[in-house]
Amino acid sequence: MNKDAREWTEGEKKFFAMKDKFSREMWLQEQLEKILVLSHRAMTFWDARYSSCSEDSEFYEELTDITMDIRNISGELTAMGATHADCILFDEYDEDGNVV
């Protein structure tokens, strides 16, 4: 989908405002780290409560909240990461790493 065909999310606005390769890569790395942390929290929460909380609403609510956070971050990240990778693969950066 063309990024100009719809209104950008807050994450996309931040990402596309960054004009240099290094800033975009650091931002993408930070977002991936958030996904890893949230995934670890979800697994830890599951492991700690699974045996004692079958169908406990608090358990499922917490796990659902964490899962939704992961989905929100990774949804934006996939599109922006693909755009960034396109720029790298098709040499759309100059020698200093800035977008051409």
PDB file of N, CA and C in Angstrom:
ATOM      1  N   MET A   1       0.843  -1.182   0.000  1.00  0.00           N
ATOM      2  CA  MET A   1       0.000   0.000   0.000  1.00  0.00           C
ATOM      3  C   MET A   1       0.885   1.241   0.000  1.00  0.00           C
ATOM      4  N   ASN A   2       0.558   2.196  -0.809  1.00  0.00           N
ATOM      5  CA  ASN A   2       1.281   3.454  -0.871  1.00  0.00           C
ATOM      6  C   ASN A   2       1.113   4.193   0.450  1.00  0.00           C
ATOM      7  N   LYS A   3       2.223   4.619   1.047  1.00  0.00           N
ATOM      8  CA  LYS A   3       2.144   5.268   2.350  1.00  0.00           C
ATOM      9  C   LYS A   3       1.409   6.597   2.308  1.00  0.00           C
ATOM     10  N   ASP A   4       1.237   7.184   1.114  1.00  0.00           N
ATOM     11  CA  ASP A   4       0.527   8.449   0.982  1.00  0.00           C
ATOM     12  C   ASP A   4      -0.969   8.259   0.739  1.00  0.00           C
ATOM     13  N   ALA A   5      -1.442   7.032   0.554  1.00  0.00           N
ATOM     14  CA  ALA A   5      -2.839   6.763   0.240  1.00  0.00           C
ATOM     15  C   ALA A   5      -3.738   6.796   1.471  1.00  0.00           C
ATOM     16  N   ARG A   6      -3.173   6.893   2.642  1.00  0.00           N
ATOM     17  CA  ARG A   6      -3.954   6.930   3.877  1.00  0.00           C
ATOM     18  C   ARG A   6      -3.228   7.819   4.880  1.00  0.00           C
ATOM     19  N   GLU A   7      -3.896   8.100   5.982  1.00  0.00           N
ATOM     20  CA  GLU A   7      -3.261   8.910   7.022  1.00  0.00           C
ATOM     21  C   GLU A   7      -2.236   8.066   7.779  1.00  0.00           C
ATOM     22  N   TRP A   8      -1.094   8.639   8.044  1.00  0.00           N
ATOM     23  CA  TRP A   8      -0.029   7.907   8.736  1.00  0.00           C
ATOM     24  C   TRP A   8      -0.330   7.765  10.222  1.00  0.00           C
ATOM     25  N   THR A   9       0.118   6.648  10.793  1.00  0.00           N
ATOM     26  CA  THR A   9       0.033   6.456  12.241  1.00  0.00           C
ATOM     27  C   THR A   9       1.120   7.301  12.892  1.00  0.00           C
ATOM     28  N   GLU A  10       1.054   7.430  14.209  1.00  0.00           N
ATOM     29  CA  GLU A  10       2.085   8.190  14.931  1.00  0.00           C
ATOM     30  C   GLU A  10       3.466   7.565  14.725  1.00  0.00           C
ATOM     31  N   GLY A  11       3.532   6.242  14.736  1.00  0.00           N
ATOM     32  CA  GLY A  11       4.802   5.557  14.519  1.00  0.00           C
ATOM     33  C   GLY A  11       5.365   5.829  13.142  1.00  0.00           C
ATOM     34  N   GLU A  12       4.495   5.803  12.135  1.00  0.00           N
ATOM     35  CA  GLU A  12       4.934   6.084  10.772  1.00  0.00           C
ATOM     36  C   GLU A  12       5.418   7.522  10.632  1.00  0.00           C
ATOM     37  N   LYS A  13       4.731   8.454  11.287  1.00  0.00           N
ATOM     38  CA  LYS A  13       5.164   9.857  11.245  1.00  0.00           C
ATOM     39  C   LYS A  13       6.573   9.997  11.811  1.00  0.00           C
ATOM     40  N   LYS A  14       6.819   9.342  12.946  1.00  0.00           N
ATOM     41  CA  LYS A  14       8.157   9.392  13.546  1.00  0.00           C
ATOM     42  C   LYS A  14       9.190   8.778  12.607  1.00  0.00           C
ATOM     43  N   PHE A  15       8.853   7.608  12.075  1.00  0.00           N
ATOM     44  CA  PHE A  15       9.795   6.886  11.222  1.00  0.00           C
ATOM     45  C   PHE A  15      10.151   7.678   9.974  1.00  0.00           C
ATOM     46  N   PHE A  16       9.148   8.171   9.250  1.00  0.00           N
ATOM     47  CA  PHE A  16       9.404   8.860   7.990  1.00  0.00           C
ATOM     48  C   PHE A  16       9.979  10.259   8.197  1.00  0.00           C
ATOM     49  N   ALA A  17       9.860  10.801   9.418  1.00  0.00           N
ATOM     50  CA  ALA A  17      10.491  12.094   9.715  1.00  0.00           C
ATOM     51  C   ALA A  17      12.009  11.948   9.834  1.00  0.00           C
ATOM     52  N   MET A  18      12.467  10.742  10.135  1.00  0.00           N
ATOM     53  CA  MET A  18      13.909  10.482  10.235  1.00  0.00           C
ATOM     54  C   MET A  18      14.476  10.347   8.828  1.00  0.00           C
ATOM     55  N   LYS A  19      15.430  11.184   8.494  1.00  0.00           N
ATOM     56  CA  LYS A  19      15.947  11.200   7.127  1.00  0.00           C
ATOM     57  C   LYS A  19      17.245  10.410   6.959  1.00  0.00           C
ATOM     58  N   ASP A  20      17.858  10.020   8.068  1.00  0.00           N
ATOM     59  CA  ASP A  20      19.119   9.288   7.903  1.00  0.00           C
ATOM     60  C   ASP A  20      18.946   7.814   8.265  1.00  0.00           C
ATOM     61  N   LYS A  21      19.723   7.007   7.615  1.00  0.00           N
ATOM     62  CA  LYS A  21      19.673   5.550   7.743  1.00  0.00           C
ATOM     63  C   LYS A  21      19.906   5.098   9.183  1.00  0.00           C
ATOM     64  N   PHE A  22      20.883   5.677   9.851  1.00  0.00           N
ATOM     65  CA  PHE A  22      21.230   5.256  11.204  1.00  0.00           C
ATOM     66  C   PHE A  22      20.057   5.473  12.171  1.00  0.00           C
ATOM     67  N   SER A  23      19.426   6.646  12.106  1.00  0.00           N
ATOM     68  CA  SER A  23      18.292   6.925  13.003  1.00  0.00           C
ATOM     69  C   SER A  23      17.153   5.940  12.793  1.00  0.00           C
ATOM     70  N   ARG A  24      16.852   5.649  11.538  1.00  0.00           N
ATOM     71  CA  ARG A  24      15.781   4.692  11.256  1.00  0.00           C
ATOM     72  C   ARG A  24      16.130   3.305  11.779  1.00  0.00           C
ATOM     73  N   GLU A  25      17.360   2.887  11.575  1.00  0.00           N
ATOM     74  CA  GLU A  25      17.767   1.558  12.043  1.00  0.00           C
ATOM     75  C   GLU A  25      17.722   1.474  13.565  1.00  0.00           C
ATOM     76  N   MET A  26      18.142   2.528  14.251  1.00  0.00           N
ATOM     77  CA  MET A  26      18.096   2.523  15.718  1.00  0.00           C
ATOM     78  C   MET A  26      16.656   2.503  16.214  1.00  0.00           C
ATOM     79  N   TRP A  27      15.773   3.243  15.539  1.00  0.00           N
ATOM     80  CA  TRP A  27      14.370   3.262  15.929  1.00  0.00           C
ATOM     81  C   TRP A  27      13.738   1.892  15.718  1.00  0.00           C
ATOM     82  N   LEU A  28      14.024   1.276  14.563  1.00  0.00           N
ATOM     83  CA  LEU A  28      13.497  -0.065  14.296  1.00  0.00           C
ATOM     84  C   LEU A  28      14.008  -1.066  15.320  1.00  0.00           C
ATOM     85  N   GLN A  29      15.283  -0.968  15.660  1.00  0.00           N
ATOM     86  CA  GLN A  29      15.851  -1.872  16.662  1.00  0.00           C
ATOM     87  C   GLN A  29      15.155  -1.691  18.001  1.00  0.00           C
ATOM     88  N   GLU A  30      14.896  -0.450  18.385  1.00  0.00           N
ATOM     89  CA  GLU A  30      14.203  -0.181  19.647  1.00  0.00           C
ATOM     90  C   GLU A  30      12.810  -0.805  19.645  1.00  0.00           C
ATOM     91  N   GLN A  31      12.099  -0.702  18.528  1.00  0.00           N
ATOM     92  CA  GLN A  31      10.762  -1.287  18.435  1.00  0.00           C
ATOM     93  C   GLN A  31      10.814  -2.817  18.517  1.00  0.00           C
ATOM     94  N   LEU A  32      11.807  -3.416  17.862  1.00  0.00           N
ATOM     95  CA  LEU A  32      11.970  -4.869  17.950  1.00  0.00           C
ATOM     96  C   LEU A  32      12.277  -5.295  19.373  1.00  0.00           C
ATOM     97  N   GLU A  33      13.083  -4.514  20.070  1.00  0.00           N
ATOM     98  CA  GLU A  33      13.386  -4.831  21.464  1.00  0.00           C
ATOM     99  C   GLU A  33      12.137  -4.760  22.325  1.00  0.00           C
ATOM    100  N   LYS A  34      11.254  -3.790  22.050  1.00  0.00           N
ATOM    101  CA  LYS A  34       9.986  -3.707  22.790  1.00  0.00           C
ATOM    102  C   LYS A  34       9.160  -4.966  22.570  1.00  0.00           C
ATOM    103  N   ILE A  35       9.113  -5.441  21.328  1.00  0.00           N
ATOM    104  CA  ILE A  35       8.369  -6.666  21.028  1.00  0.00           C
ATOM    105  C   ILE A  35       8.949  -7.837  21.804  1.00  0.00           C
ATOM    106  N   LEU A  36      10.280  -7.939  21.836  1.00  0.00           N
ATOM    107  CA  LEU A  36      10.915  -9.033  22.578  1.00  0.00           C
ATOM    108  C   LEU A  36      10.597  -8.960  24.060  1.00  0.00           C
ATOM    109  N   VAL A  37      10.664  -7.766  24.630  1.00  0.00           N
ATOM    110  CA  VAL A  37      10.369  -7.601  26.060  1.00  0.00           C
ATOM    111  C   VAL A  37       8.928  -7.982  26.354  1.00  0.00           C
ATOM    112  N   LEU A  38       7.998  -7.492  25.527  1.00  0.00           N
ATOM    113  CA  LEU A  38       6.592  -7.822  25.743  1.00  0.00           C
ATOM    114  C   LEU A  38       6.325  -9.310  25.559  1.00  0.00           C
ATOM    115  N   SER A  39       6.974  -9.917  24.582  1.00  0.00           N
ATOM    116  CA  SER A  39       6.820 -11.360  24.377  1.00  0.00           C
ATOM    117  C   SER A  39       7.330 -12.125  25.594  1.00  0.00           C
ATOM    118  N   HIS A  40       8.456 -11.687  26.128  1.00  0.00           N
ATOM    119  CA  HIS A  40       9.007 -12.342  27.313  1.00  0.00           C
ATOM    120  C   HIS A  40       8.061 -12.174  28.496  1.00  0.00           C
ATOM    121  N   ARG A  41       7.504 -10.968  28.658  1.00  0.00           N
ATOM    122  CA  ARG A  41       6.541 -10.740  29.745  1.00  0.00           C
ATOM    123  C   ARG A  41       5.335 -11.654  29.603  1.00  0.00           C
ATOM    124  N   ALA A  42       4.831 -11.802  28.386  1.00  0.00           N
ATOM    125  CA  ALA A  42       3.672 -12.661  28.152  1.00  0.00           C
ATOM    126  C   ALA A  42       3.997 -14.116  28.503  1.00  0.00           C
ATOM    127  N   MET A  43       5.155 -14.588  28.066  1.00  0.00           N
ATOM    128  CA  MET A  43       5.538 -15.976  28.361  1.00  0.00           C
ATOM    129  C   MET A  43       5.738 -16.180  29.858  1.00  0.00           C
ATOM    130  N   THR A  44       6.366 -15.207  30.520  1.00  0.00           N
ATOM    131  CA  THR A  44       6.593 -15.311  31.956  1.00  0.00           C
ATOM    132  C   THR A  44       5.271 -15.316  32.705  1.00  0.00           C
ATOM    133  N   PHE A  45       4.378 -14.425  32.302  1.00  0.00           N
ATOM    134  CA  PHE A  45       3.062 -14.362  32.931  1.00  0.00           C
ATOM    135  C   PHE A  45       2.314 -15.671  32.738  1.00  0.00           C
ATOM    136  N   TRP A  46       2.365 -16.205  31.540  1.00  0.00           N
ATOM    137  CA  TRP A  46       1.708 -17.481  31.239  1.00  0.00           C
ATOM    138  C   TRP A  46       2.282 -18.592  32.117  1.00  0.00           C
ATOM    139  N   ASP A  47       3.615 -18.696  32.150  1.00  0.00           N
ATOM    140  CA  ASP A  47       4.271 -19.748  32.925  1.00  0.00           C
ATOM    141  C   ASP A  47       3.955 -19.646  34.415  1.00  0.00           C
ATOM    142  N   ALA A  48       3.909 -18.421  34.930  1.00  0.00           N
ATOM    143  CA  ALA A  48       3.682 -18.222  36.364  1.00  0.00           C
ATOM    144  C   ALA A  48       2.237 -18.496  36.768  1.00  0.00           C
ATOM    145  N   ARG A  49       1.286 -18.300  35.878  1.00  0.00           N
ATOM    146  CA  ARG A  49      -0.124 -18.381  36.264  1.00  0.00           C
ATOM    147  C   ARG A  49      -0.922 -19.489  35.598  1.00  0.00           C
ATOM    148  N   TYR A  50      -0.376 -20.111  34.594  1.00  0.00           N
ATOM    149  CA  TYR A  50      -1.164 -21.062  33.805  1.00  0.00           C
ATOM    150  C   TYR A  50      -1.729 -22.201  34.639  1.00  0.00           C
ATOM    151  N   SER A  51      -0.910 -22.832  35.457  1.00  0.00           N
ATOM    152  CA  SER A  51      -1.370 -24.013  36.197  1.00  0.00           C
ATOM    153  C   SER A  51      -2.426 -23.683  37.247  1.00  0.00           C
ATOM    154  N   SER A  52      -2.385 -22.482  37.799  1.00  0.00           N
ATOM    155  CA  SER A  52      -3.318 -22.166  38.889  1.00  0.00           C
ATOM    156  C   SER A  52      -4.501 -21.295  38.452  1.00  0.00           C
ATOM    157  N   CYS A  53      -4.541 -20.848  37.231  1.00  0.00           N
ATOM    158  CA  CYS A  53      -5.584 -19.895  36.823  1.00  0.00           C
ATOM    159  C   CYS A  53      -6.270 -20.311  35.535  1.00  0.00           C
ATOM    160  N   SER A  54      -6.983 -21.389  35.566  1.00  0.00           N
ATOM    161  CA  SER A  54      -7.700 -21.766  34.345  1.00  0.00           C
ATOM    162  C   SER A  54      -8.895 -20.841  34.149  1.00  0.00           C
ATOM    163  N   GLU A  55      -8.925 -20.203  32.999  1.00  0.00           N
ATOM    164  CA  GLU A  55      -9.986 -19.282  32.596  1.00  0.00           C
ATOM    165  C   GLU A  55     -10.243 -18.160  33.598  1.00  0.00           C
ATOM    166  N   ASP A  56      -9.205 -17.722  34.285  1.00  0.00           N
ATOM    167  CA  ASP A  56      -9.306 -16.604  35.217  1.00  0.00           C
ATOM    168  C   ASP A  56      -9.328 -15.308  34.404  1.00  0.00           C
ATOM    169  N   SER A  57     -10.307 -14.463  34.613  1.00  0.00           N
ATOM    170  CA  SER A  57     -10.468 -13.269  33.781  1.00  0.00           C
ATOM    171  C   SER A  57      -9.290 -12.315  33.886  1.00  0.00           C
ATOM    172  N   GLU A  58      -8.712 -12.154  35.074  1.00  0.00           N
ATOM    173  CA  GLU A  58      -7.546 -11.271  35.235  1.00  0.00           C
ATOM    174  C   GLU A  58      -6.374 -11.783  34.408  1.00  0.00           C
ATOM    175  N   PHE A  59      -6.178 -13.092  34.441  1.00  0.00           N
ATOM    176  CA  PHE A  59      -5.100 -13.713  33.669  1.00  0.00           C
ATOM    177  C   PHE A  59      -5.272 -13.435  32.177  1.00  0.00           C
ATOM    178  N   TYR A  60      -6.444 -13.717  31.660  1.00  0.00           N
ATOM    179  CA  TYR A  60      -6.678 -13.541  30.233  1.00  0.00           C
ATOM    180  C   TYR A  60      -6.654 -12.068  29.836  1.00  0.00           C
ATOM    181  N   GLU A  61      -7.123 -11.195  30.714  1.00  0.00           N
ATOM    182  CA  GLU A  61      -7.088  -9.757  30.430  1.00  0.00           C
ATOM    183  C   GLU A  61      -5.644  -9.264  30.320  1.00  0.00           C
ATOM    184  N   GLU A  62      -4.794  -9.652  31.250  1.00  0.00           N
ATOM    185  CA  GLU A  62      -3.384  -9.242  31.212  1.00  0.00           C
ATOM    186  C   GLU A  62      -2.680  -9.787  29.980  1.00  0.00           C
ATOM    187  N   LEU A  63      -2.898 -11.059  29.685  1.00  0.00           N
ATOM    188  CA  LEU A  63      -2.261 -11.670  28.519  1.00  0.00           C
ATOM    189  C   LEU A  63      -2.762 -11.026  27.230  1.00  0.00           C
ATOM    190  N   THR A  64      -4.039 -10.707  27.169  1.00  0.00           N
ATOM    191  CA  THR A  64      -4.603 -10.047  25.995  1.00  0.00           C
ATOM    192  C   THR A  64      -4.028  -8.645  25.829  1.00  0.00           C
ATOM    193  N   ASP A  65      -3.877  -7.895  26.925  1.00  0.00           N
ATOM    194  CA  ASP A  65      -3.288  -6.557  26.850  1.00  0.00           C
ATOM    195  C   ASP A  65      -1.867  -6.615  26.311  1.00  0.00           C
ATOM    196  N   ILE A  66      -1.070  -7.547  26.804  1.00  0.00           N
ATOM    197  CA  ILE A  66       0.310  -7.687  26.341  1.00  0.00           C
ATOM    198  C   ILE A  66       0.326  -8.082  24.861  1.00  0.00           C
ATOM    199  N   THR A  67      -0.534  -9.016  24.490  1.00  0.00           N
ATOM    200  CA  THR A  67      -0.600  -9.457  23.098  1.00  0.00           C
ATOM    201  C   THR A  67      -0.998  -8.309  22.176  1.00  0.00           C
ATOM    202  N   MET A  68      -1.939  -7.482  22.595  1.00  0.00           N
ATOM    203  CA  MET A  68      -2.353  -6.337  21.782  1.00  0.00           C
ATOM    204  C   MET A  68      -1.218  -5.327  21.644  1.00  0.00           C
ATOM    205  N   ASP A  69      -0.438  -5.109  22.702  1.00  0.00           N
ATOM    206  CA  ASP A  69       0.730  -4.224  22.613  1.00  0.00           C
ATOM    207  C   ASP A  69       1.715  -4.754  21.577  1.00  0.00           C
ATOM    208  N   ILE A  70       1.959  -6.046  21.612  1.00  0.00           N
ATOM    209  CA  ILE A  70       2.869  -6.664  20.630  1.00  0.00           C
ATOM    210  C   ILE A  70       2.321  -6.462  19.221  1.00  0.00           C
ATOM    211  N   ARG A  71       1.044  -6.699  19.031  1.00  0.00           N
ATOM    212  CA  ARG A  71       0.422  -6.561  17.715  1.00  0.00           C
ATOM    213  C   ARG A  71       0.519  -5.113  17.214  1.00  0.00           C
ATOM    214  N   ASN A  72       0.251  -4.155  18.085  1.00  0.00           N
ATOM    215  CA  ASN A  72       0.309  -2.745  17.683  1.00  0.00           C
ATOM    216  C   ASN A  72       1.708  -2.339  17.239  1.00  0.00           C
ATOM    217  N   ILE A  73       2.717  -2.742  17.982  1.00  0.00           N
ATOM    218  CA  ILE A  73       4.096  -2.397  17.626  1.00  0.00           C
ATOM    219  C   ILE A  73       4.508  -3.118  16.353  1.00  0.00           C
ATOM    220  N   SER A  74       4.260  -4.412  16.276  1.00  0.00           N
ATOM    221  CA  SER A  74       4.759  -5.180  15.139  1.00  0.00           C
ATOM    222  C   SER A  74       4.019  -4.863  13.846  1.00  0.00           C
ATOM    223  N   GLY A  75       2.756  -4.446  13.929  1.00  0.00           N
ATOM    224  CA  GLY A  75       2.027  -4.072  12.723  1.00  0.00           C
ATOM    225  C   GLY A  75       2.673  -2.906  12.007  1.00  0.00           C
ATOM    226  N   GLU A  76       2.977  -1.850  12.756  1.00  0.00           N
ATOM    227  CA  GLU A  76       3.658  -0.693  12.176  1.00  0.00           C
ATOM    228  C   GLU A  76       5.077  -1.043  11.773  1.00  0.00           C
ATOM    229  N   LEU A  77       5.741  -1.795  12.612  1.00  0.00           N
ATOM    230  CA  LEU A  77       7.150  -2.102  12.387  1.00  0.00           C
ATOM    231  C   LEU A  77       7.353  -2.876  11.097  1.00  0.00           C
ATOM    232  N   THR A  78       6.461  -3.796  10.793  1.00  0.00           N
ATOM    233  CA  THR A  78       6.590  -4.594   9.575  1.00  0.00           C
ATOM    234  C   THR A  78       6.592  -3.707   8.335  1.00  0.00           C
ATOM    235  N   ALA A  79       5.643  -2.790   8.254  1.00  0.00           N
ATOM    236  CA  ALA A  79       5.553  -1.903   7.088  1.00  0.00           C
ATOM    237  C   ALA A  79       6.751  -0.975   7.003  1.00  0.00           C
ATOM    238  N   MET A  80       7.134  -0.382   8.127  1.00  0.00           N
ATOM    239  CA  MET A  80       8.248   0.561   8.107  1.00  0.00           C
ATOM    240  C   MET A  80       9.575  -0.140   7.881  1.00  0.00           C
ATOM    241  N   GLY A  81       9.722  -1.317   8.462  1.00  0.00           N
ATOM    242  CA  GLY A  81      10.944  -2.086   8.247  1.00  0.00           C
ATOM    243  C   GLY A  81      11.086  -2.494   6.796  1.00  0.00           C
ATOM    244  N   ALA A  82       9.982  -2.856   6.164  1.00  0.00           N
ATOM    245  CA  ALA A  82      10.016  -3.238   4.751  1.00  0.00           C
ATOM    246  C   ALA A  82      10.402  -2.038   3.889  1.00  0.00           C
ATOM    247  N   THR A  83       9.844  -0.875   4.197  1.00  0.00           N
ATOM    248  CA  THR A  83      10.196   0.340   3.452  1.00  0.00           C
ATOM    249  C   THR A  83      11.676   0.651   3.611  1.00  0.00           C
ATOM    250  N   HIS A  84      12.162   0.553   4.834  1.00  0.00           N
ATOM    251  CA  HIS A  84      13.573   0.824   5.101  1.00  0.00           C
ATOM    252  C   HIS A  84      14.462  -0.188   4.365  1.00  0.00           C
ATOM    253  N   ALA A  85      14.078  -1.451   4.406  1.00  0.00           N
ATOM    254  CA  ALA A  85      14.855  -2.485   3.712  1.00  0.00           C
ATOM    255  C   ALA A  85      14.868  -2.228   2.203  1.00  0.00           C
ATOM    256  N   ASP A  86      13.746  -1.770   1.646  1.00  0.00           N
ATOM    257  CA  ASP A  86      13.703  -1.423   0.221  1.00  0.00           C
ATOM    258  C   ASP A  86      14.742  -0.357  -0.101  1.00  0.00           C
ATOM    259  N   CYS A  87      14.812   0.652   0.747  1.00  0.00           N
ATOM    260  CA  CYS A  87      15.783   1.732   0.527  1.00  0.00           C
ATOM    261  C   CYS A  87      17.211   1.188   0.553  1.00  0.00           C
ATOM    262  N   ILE A  88      17.488   0.291   1.485  1.00  0.00           N
ATOM    263  CA  ILE A  88      18.832  -0.284   1.590  1.00  0.00           C
ATOM    264  C   ILE A  88      19.127  -1.153   0.371  1.00  0.00           C
ATOM    265  N   LEU A  89      18.194  -2.043   0.030  1.00  0.00           N
ATOM    266  CA  LEU A  89      18.407  -2.975  -1.072  1.00  0.00           C
ATOM    267  C   LEU A  89      18.549  -2.281  -2.421  1.00  0.00           C
ATOM    268  N   PHE A  90      17.811  -1.201  -2.603  1.00  0.00           N
ATOM    269  CA  PHE A  90      17.838  -0.532  -3.901  1.00  0.00           C
ATOM    270  C   PHE A  90      18.672   0.741  -3.880  1.00  0.00           C
ATOM    271  N   ASP A  91      19.592   0.817  -2.915  1.00  0.00           N
ATOM    272  CA  ASP A  91      20.585   1.893  -2.839  1.00  0.00           C
ATOM    273  C   ASP A  91      19.970   3.284  -2.908  1.00  0.00           C
ATOM    274  N   GLU A  92      18.928   3.520  -2.115  1.00  0.00           N
ATOM    275  CA  GLU A  92      18.310   4.837  -2.096  1.00  0.00           C
ATOM    276  C   GLU A  92      18.936   5.727  -1.015  1.00  0.00           C
ATOM    277  N   TYR A  93      20.138   5.372  -0.577  1.00  0.00           N
ATOM    278  CA  TYR A  93      20.887   6.183   0.374  1.00  0.00           C
ATOM    279  C   TYR A  93      22.169   6.664  -0.293  1.00  0.00           C
ATOM    280  N   ASP A  94      22.608   7.866   0.071  1.00  0.00           N
ATOM    281  CA  ASP A  94      23.880   8.338  -0.447  1.00  0.00           C
ATOM    282  C   ASP A  94      25.022   7.750   0.385  1.00  0.00           C
ATOM    283  N   GLU A  95      26.262   8.154   0.095  1.00  0.00           N
ATOM    284  CA  GLU A  95      27.425   7.574   0.791  1.00  0.00           C
ATOM    285  C   GLU A  95      27.444   7.867   2.284  1.00  0.00           C
ATOM    286  N   ASP A  96      26.752   8.935   2.715  1.00  0.00           N
ATOM    287  CA  ASP A  96      26.690   9.282   4.145  1.00  0.00           C
ATOM    288  C   ASP A  96      25.546   8.582   4.878  1.00  0.00           C
ATOM    289  N   GLY A  97      24.749   7.793   4.153  1.00  0.00           N
ATOM    290  CA  GLY A  97      23.647   7.076   4.773  1.00  0.00           C
ATOM    291  C   GLY A  97      22.349   7.853   4.819  1.00  0.00           C
ATOM    292  N   ASN A  98      22.263   8.955   4.088  1.00  0.00           N
ATOM    293  CA  ASN A  98      21.045   9.742   4.040  1.00  0.00           C
ATOM    294  C   ASN A  98      20.152   9.291   2.886  1.00  0.00           C
ATOM    295  N   VAL A  99      18.827   9.421   3.085  1.00  0.00           N
ATOM    296  CA  VAL A  99      17.883   9.054   2.038  1.00  0.00           C
ATOM    297  C   VAL A  99      18.082   9.965   0.842  1.00  0.00           C
ATOM    298  N   VAL A 100      18.129   9.390  -0.364  1.00  0.00           N
ATOM    299  CA  VAL A 100      18.318  10.167  -1.598  1.00  0.00           C
ATOM    300  C   VAL A 100      16.993  10.748  -2.043  1.00  0.00           C
TER     301      VAL A 100
END
